[in-house]
Amino acid sequence: MRAIGTIPHDRITITIFSMNDKYQIQFEAGPMIQTYKLRHDEINGLEGIKKMVDEQFLENILTRFNEMYLFLKQAKENIK
């Protein structure tokens, strides 16, 4: 797997990888990661991925990160 690009964002790290005829779009926020996989033939390379990751997509990503944070927080509280 090799990194082929990034998408700048002020709150999360977005890295695009290529491996075995698939792209992996990785979103990182603190201890959490979301990864989405696409076949190379599904999208037009790095530029296509950048178009796909628009404001609405990022808003959904951030919402999911918030949900993940709350799930993790609750799980940690349950073990105390």
N, C-alpha and C. Protein backbone atom coordinates (compact mmCIF):
# COMPACT_ATOMS: atom_id res chain seq x y z
N MET A 1 0.86 -1.16 0.00
CA MET A 1 0.00 0.00 0.00
C MET A 1 0.90 1.22 0.00
N ARG A 2 0.56 2.16 -0.85
CA ARG A 2 1.37 3.39 -0.89
C ARG A 2 0.45 4.61 -0.90
N ALA A 3 0.86 5.63 -0.20
CA ALA A 3 0.11 6.88 -0.17
C ALA A 3 0.30 7.59 -1.50
N ILE A 4 -0.80 8.02 -2.09
CA ILE A 4 -0.71 8.72 -3.37
C ILE A 4 -1.16 10.17 -3.27
N GLY A 5 -1.69 10.55 -2.11
CA GLY A 5 -2.10 11.94 -1.97
C GLY A 5 -2.80 12.21 -0.66
N THR A 6 -3.04 13.48 -0.42
CA THR A 6 -3.76 13.92 0.76
C THR A 6 -4.78 14.97 0.34
N ILE A 7 -5.75 15.18 1.20
CA ILE A 7 -6.71 16.26 1.01
C ILE A 7 -6.63 17.12 2.27
N PRO A 8 -6.28 18.38 2.14
CA PRO A 8 -6.15 19.23 3.32
C PRO A 8 -7.49 19.46 4.02
N HIS A 9 -7.45 19.43 5.33
CA HIS A 9 -8.63 19.73 6.13
C HIS A 9 -8.15 20.23 7.49
N ASP A 10 -8.88 21.16 8.09
CA ASP A 10 -8.42 21.75 9.34
C ASP A 10 -8.71 20.90 10.57
N ARG A 11 -9.60 19.88 10.48
CA ARG A 11 -9.95 19.11 11.67
C ARG A 11 -9.56 17.63 11.59
N ILE A 12 -9.36 17.12 10.39
CA ILE A 12 -9.04 15.70 10.24
C ILE A 12 -7.91 15.53 9.22
N THR A 13 -7.25 14.39 9.30
CA THR A 13 -6.22 14.04 8.33
C THR A 13 -6.84 13.12 7.29
N ILE A 14 -6.68 13.47 6.02
CA ILE A 14 -7.25 12.67 4.93
C ILE A 14 -6.11 12.20 4.04
N THR A 15 -5.93 10.89 3.93
CA THR A 15 -4.87 10.31 3.13
C THR A 15 -5.47 9.31 2.15
N ILE A 16 -4.99 9.34 0.91
CA ILE A 16 -5.45 8.41 -0.12
C ILE A 16 -4.32 7.43 -0.42
N PHE A 17 -4.66 6.16 -0.35
CA PHE A 17 -3.72 5.08 -0.61
C PHE A 17 -4.15 4.32 -1.86
N SER A 18 -3.21 3.65 -2.49
CA SER A 18 -3.50 2.76 -3.61
C SER A 18 -2.86 1.41 -3.32
N MET A 19 -3.67 0.34 -3.52
CA MET A 19 -3.16 -1.00 -3.29
C MET A 19 -4.08 -2.01 -3.97
N ASN A 20 -3.49 -2.93 -4.72
CA ASN A 20 -4.24 -4.04 -5.33
C ASN A 20 -5.48 -3.59 -6.09
N ASP A 21 -5.32 -2.65 -7.00
CA ASP A 21 -6.41 -2.14 -7.82
C ASP A 21 -7.54 -1.49 -7.01
N LYS A 22 -7.22 -1.00 -5.82
CA LYS A 22 -8.20 -0.29 -4.99
C LYS A 22 -7.57 0.96 -4.41
N TYR A 23 -8.42 1.96 -4.25
CA TYR A 23 -8.05 3.15 -3.50
C TYR A 23 -8.62 2.99 -2.10
N GLN A 24 -7.89 3.45 -1.12
CA GLN A 24 -8.40 3.54 0.24
C GLN A 24 -8.32 5.00 0.66
N ILE A 25 -9.46 5.54 1.06
CA ILE A 25 -9.51 6.91 1.54
C ILE A 25 -9.61 6.81 3.05
N GLN A 26 -8.58 7.31 3.73
CA GLN A 26 -8.51 7.18 5.19
C GLN A 26 -8.68 8.54 5.84
N PHE A 27 -9.62 8.60 6.77
CA PHE A 27 -9.91 9.80 7.54
C PHE A 27 -9.50 9.53 8.99
N GLU A 28 -8.69 10.41 9.57
CA GLU A 28 -8.22 10.22 10.94
C GLU A 28 -8.58 11.43 11.80
N ALA A 29 -9.11 11.13 12.98
CA ALA A 29 -9.40 12.16 13.97
C ALA A 29 -9.10 11.57 15.34
N GLY A 30 -8.06 12.06 15.99
CA GLY A 30 -7.68 11.52 17.29
C GLY A 30 -7.42 10.03 17.20
N PRO A 31 -8.04 9.23 18.08
CA PRO A 31 -7.80 7.79 18.09
C PRO A 31 -8.67 7.01 17.11
N MET A 32 -9.42 7.71 16.27
CA MET A 32 -10.39 7.05 15.40
C MET A 32 -10.00 7.18 13.93
N ILE A 33 -10.33 6.14 13.18
CA ILE A 33 -10.05 6.11 11.74
C ILE A 33 -11.29 5.58 11.02
N GLN A 34 -11.62 6.22 9.91
CA GLN A 34 -12.63 5.70 8.99
C GLN A 34 -11.92 5.45 7.66
N THR A 35 -12.19 4.30 7.05
CA THR A 35 -11.58 3.98 5.77
C THR A 35 -12.65 3.56 4.79
N TYR A 36 -12.57 4.08 3.59
CA TYR A 36 -13.49 3.73 2.51
C TYR A 36 -12.66 3.21 1.35
N LYS A 37 -13.12 2.11 0.76
CA LYS A 37 -12.39 1.49 -0.35
C LYS A 37 -13.19 1.62 -1.63
N LEU A 38 -12.47 1.91 -2.71
CA LEU A 38 -13.07 2.01 -4.05
C LEU A 38 -12.17 1.29 -5.04
N ARG A 39 -12.77 0.57 -5.95
CA ARG A 39 -11.97 -0.03 -7.03
C ARG A 39 -11.47 1.08 -7.96
N HIS A 40 -10.32 0.88 -8.54
CA HIS A 40 -9.75 1.88 -9.45
C HIS A 40 -10.72 2.21 -10.59
N ASP A 41 -11.48 1.23 -11.06
CA ASP A 41 -12.38 1.48 -12.18
C ASP A 41 -13.68 2.18 -11.77
N GLU A 42 -13.87 2.43 -10.47
CA GLU A 42 -15.07 3.12 -9.99
C GLU A 42 -14.94 4.64 -10.01
N ILE A 43 -13.71 5.13 -10.06
CA ILE A 43 -13.50 6.57 -9.91
C ILE A 43 -12.29 7.00 -10.73
N ASN A 44 -12.26 8.24 -11.12
CA ASN A 44 -11.21 8.76 -11.98
C ASN A 44 -10.02 9.26 -11.16
N GLY A 45 -9.30 8.34 -10.55
CA GLY A 45 -8.05 8.67 -9.86
C GLY A 45 -8.19 9.64 -8.72
N LEU A 46 -7.07 10.27 -8.39
CA LEU A 46 -7.00 11.19 -7.26
C LEU A 46 -7.94 12.37 -7.44
N GLU A 47 -8.04 12.88 -8.65
CA GLU A 47 -8.94 14.02 -8.89
C GLU A 47 -10.39 13.64 -8.68
N GLY A 48 -10.77 12.44 -9.09
CA GLY A 48 -12.13 11.96 -8.86
C GLY A 48 -12.43 11.81 -7.38
N ILE A 49 -11.46 11.31 -6.63
CA ILE A 49 -11.63 11.16 -5.18
C ILE A 49 -11.80 12.53 -4.54
N LYS A 50 -11.00 13.49 -4.95
CA LYS A 50 -11.11 14.84 -4.39
C LYS A 50 -12.48 15.45 -4.68
N LYS A 51 -13.04 15.17 -5.84
CA LYS A 51 -14.39 15.66 -6.15
C LYS A 51 -15.44 14.95 -5.30
N MET A 52 -15.24 13.66 -5.04
CA MET A 52 -16.19 12.89 -4.26
C MET A 52 -16.22 13.38 -2.81
N VAL A 53 -15.06 13.74 -2.27
CA VAL A 53 -14.96 14.17 -0.88
C VAL A 53 -15.32 15.66 -0.80
N ASP A 54 -16.60 15.92 -1.00
CA ASP A 54 -17.08 17.31 -0.98
C ASP A 54 -17.55 17.68 0.43
N GLU A 55 -18.11 18.87 0.57
CA GLU A 55 -18.53 19.38 1.88
C GLU A 55 -19.56 18.47 2.54
N GLN A 56 -20.53 17.97 1.79
CA GLN A 56 -21.55 17.09 2.37
C GLN A 56 -20.94 15.78 2.86
N PHE A 57 -20.04 15.20 2.06
CA PHE A 57 -19.36 13.97 2.45
C PHE A 57 -18.57 14.20 3.73
N LEU A 58 -17.83 15.30 3.79
CA LEU A 58 -17.03 15.61 4.98
C LEU A 58 -17.91 15.87 6.20
N GLU A 59 -19.05 16.51 6.00
CA GLU A 59 -19.98 16.73 7.11
C GLU A 59 -20.44 15.39 7.69
N ASN A 60 -20.73 14.43 6.81
CA ASN A 60 -21.12 13.10 7.27
C ASN A 60 -19.97 12.38 7.98
N ILE A 61 -18.76 12.55 7.48
CA ILE A 61 -17.58 11.97 8.12
C ILE A 61 -17.43 12.52 9.54
N LEU A 62 -17.55 13.83 9.70
CA LEU A 62 -17.41 14.46 11.01
C LEU A 62 -18.51 14.02 11.96
N THR A 63 -19.72 13.87 11.45
CA THR A 63 -20.83 13.37 12.27
C THR A 63 -20.53 11.97 12.77
N ARG A 64 -20.03 11.12 11.88
CA ARG A 64 -19.68 9.76 12.27
C ARG A 64 -18.56 9.75 13.31
N PHE A 65 -17.56 10.62 13.14
CA PHE A 65 -16.49 10.70 14.14
C PHE A 65 -17.06 11.08 15.50
N ASN A 66 -17.99 12.00 15.53
CA ASN A 66 -18.60 12.39 16.79
C ASN A 66 -19.32 11.20 17.43
N GLU A 67 -20.06 10.44 16.63
CA GLU A 67 -20.73 9.24 17.13
C GLU A 67 -19.71 8.24 17.66
N MET A 68 -18.63 8.04 16.92
CA MET A 68 -17.59 7.10 17.35
C MET A 68 -16.99 7.55 18.67
N TYR A 69 -16.74 8.85 18.82
CA TYR A 69 -16.18 9.37 20.06
C TYR A 69 -17.12 9.08 21.23
N LEU A 70 -18.41 9.31 21.03
CA LEU A 70 -19.37 9.07 22.11
C LEU A 70 -19.45 7.59 22.47
N PHE A 71 -19.40 6.70 21.47
CA PHE A 71 -19.40 5.26 21.73
C PHE A 71 -18.17 4.87 22.53
N LEU A 72 -17.01 5.39 22.15
CA LEU A 72 -15.77 5.07 22.84
C LEU A 72 -15.80 5.59 24.28
N LYS A 73 -16.27 6.81 24.44
CA LYS A 73 -16.37 7.40 25.78
C LYS A 73 -17.27 6.56 26.67
N GLN A 74 -18.42 6.14 26.16
CA GLN A 74 -19.34 5.32 26.95
C GLN A 74 -18.71 3.96 27.28
N ALA A 75 -18.04 3.36 26.34
CA ALA A 75 -17.38 2.07 26.58
C ALA A 75 -16.33 2.19 27.68
N LYS A 76 -15.58 3.28 27.65
CA LYS A 76 -14.55 3.50 28.70
C LYS A 76 -15.21 3.67 30.07
N GLU A 77 -16.33 4.39 30.10
CA GLU A 77 -17.03 4.60 31.37
C GLU A 77 -17.58 3.28 31.92
N ASN A 78 -17.97 2.39 31.04
CA ASN A 78 -18.53 1.10 31.46
C ASN A 78 -17.50 0.19 32.12
N ILE A 79 -16.22 0.43 31.90
CA ILE A 79 -15.20 -0.45 32.49
C ILE A 79 -14.66 0.09 33.82
N LYS A 80 -15.13 1.23 34.23
CA LYS A 80 -14.66 1.82 35.50
C LYS A 80 -15.36 1.19 36.69
